[in-house]
Amino acid sequence: AVGHGKNGEDCRALIKGDAIKVEAIRKAAVLEDCVPVFQDLSKDEQDSVRLLAVASAGSLARSLGMDSTLNADLVLPIVMSGCIDLSWRVRHNLAKEFSIVASSLGFHYEPPSRNLTEVFLCYSGLLQDTEAEVRSAAVGNVALMTLLGGSDLFVSHVAPTLPALAADNVMEVRSRLAQTMMDCCGLDNEETASLSDSVILQVFKPLLEGFLNDEFAEVQLHVLSKLSRVSHLLSKMDVVVSSILQMTKAPNWRVREAVGHLLPHLAEAMGVSFFKDHLLEPWLKLLLDQVADVRTACVTGMSKLYHVAGAQWIQTEILPHYRKIYEDGNQYNYLTRITVLRCYANLVVEDKEEASRFSPDFLEDVVGLLLDGLVDRVANVRMVSARGLARLSAFCEEGIVEEKVRPALRVVANDDSDDDCRFFANLALESYGEETGDVNNKPEMNDLEKRMGGVQVNE
């Protein structure tokens, strides 16, 4: 171990000096032994050799310590040559690894330089390549290259190529562009956007409008699944919002599912009055969708909708519709009742601090429907109600618990004919602080997944 005091400082300085010497020796060995061989391989007459060489340019650059001066002289010419190679296979292999190669050159550690600009010129050429495979591979690097070069280089060299790529005849190119374009807008729940809002509106807004009307659902999904990252800008994207509303009736269920996840974010961007006037009806239709994953999108969105609109608005504008759907048992099957109960339970699991401010009337409405579910004729519904009541245990007032919740759960725990219902009722009672019998006989998860996931039974 390195000691403290003057002797310790001397030891650390000695170790640091040795490390610098080792690095210098290693770099010299790479320059002497590896670089000449690599340069020869990158000029080999066989394209199968050249394609492996250019894709490994990043490894050579890192071996040189990402030294921008050395890489500008020794590696950058190889990259530039690979971008204009006569063999499309060489260009394709380089395009796949381009962001890794570019970041390994070390040019981004310096102030904006001619070398980094040269790298972006090469990348722009790959984005406009005559071969669709090359364009598709290059497009996959747009987000990382934007992070590497920043907004200025993106606007100068990448943005001008995007309209043509968005209209590309090859679906794979459009699909990859839609995916990586949304990655430029940051990651979910993180402030990591590579581009400013003004650039996103100027460059991406027209592309989003086209992608949402693409004939292939895959392209639409890449945008819809990540559109929440720019939800704060949706109020300035009227055409995009209009397209989303039309897609609530899309024949592809995955598109409807993605729209279901997105609607609460639209409420945040456009306001709850807009949601009530334009989105409430599509939201309720998605809640009744025949595909379980679409209905689940509405379930998971309830906490976000509550966060946006508040308890009073939810209680006034949403819960009466849910209660009516639940009570129309003859019109809908038990799966719809399960969905409504899960929506109620999901209102209070996002933010415990915020949930602690629930009004007594609001909690009474939520608990009331879950208690109704405990006496449903279908065991699956009773099981979901018991699980929902367990999730509410941290928020219910003691008066409601003692007067309504515990007695209802005791009846299910003791008298229900279904083993799973008794099991979850006992778990719910434990969450309310009541000692119960043995709950170690946990049901098989495969059976539970079938019961919770939408396998229909006779009512």
Foldseek 3Di string as FASTA:
>chain_A
DQDDDPSSVVVVVVVVVVVVVVLVVQLVCCVVPPLVVLVCQCVDPDVVSNLVSLLCLLVSLVSNVLPLVVCLVRRLVSNLCQLPPPDVSSLLSCLLNVLSSLVSNNPLVDPDDPSNLVSLQSLLSQCVDPDPSSVLSNLLCLQSNLLSPADVSCVVRPLVSPVCQLVDPDVSSVLSNLQSVLVCLDDPPDNDHRDDPVCCCVRVLVSLLSQLVDPDVSSNLSCLQRVLSVLLCVVVRVSNVVSLLVQLPPPDVSSVLSSLLCLLSVCQNVHVVCCLVRPVVSNVVQCQDPALSSVVSNLLCLQSNCVRPPLVCCVVRPLVVLVVQLVVPVVHDVLSVLSSLSSLLNNDDPDVVSLLPDDLVSVCSSLVSLLVQCPDPDLLSNLSSLQSLLSCLVRHDPVCCVPPVLVSLVCQLPPPPDPSSVLSSCVSVVSNVDDDDDNPPHDDVVVVCCSNRDPDDDD
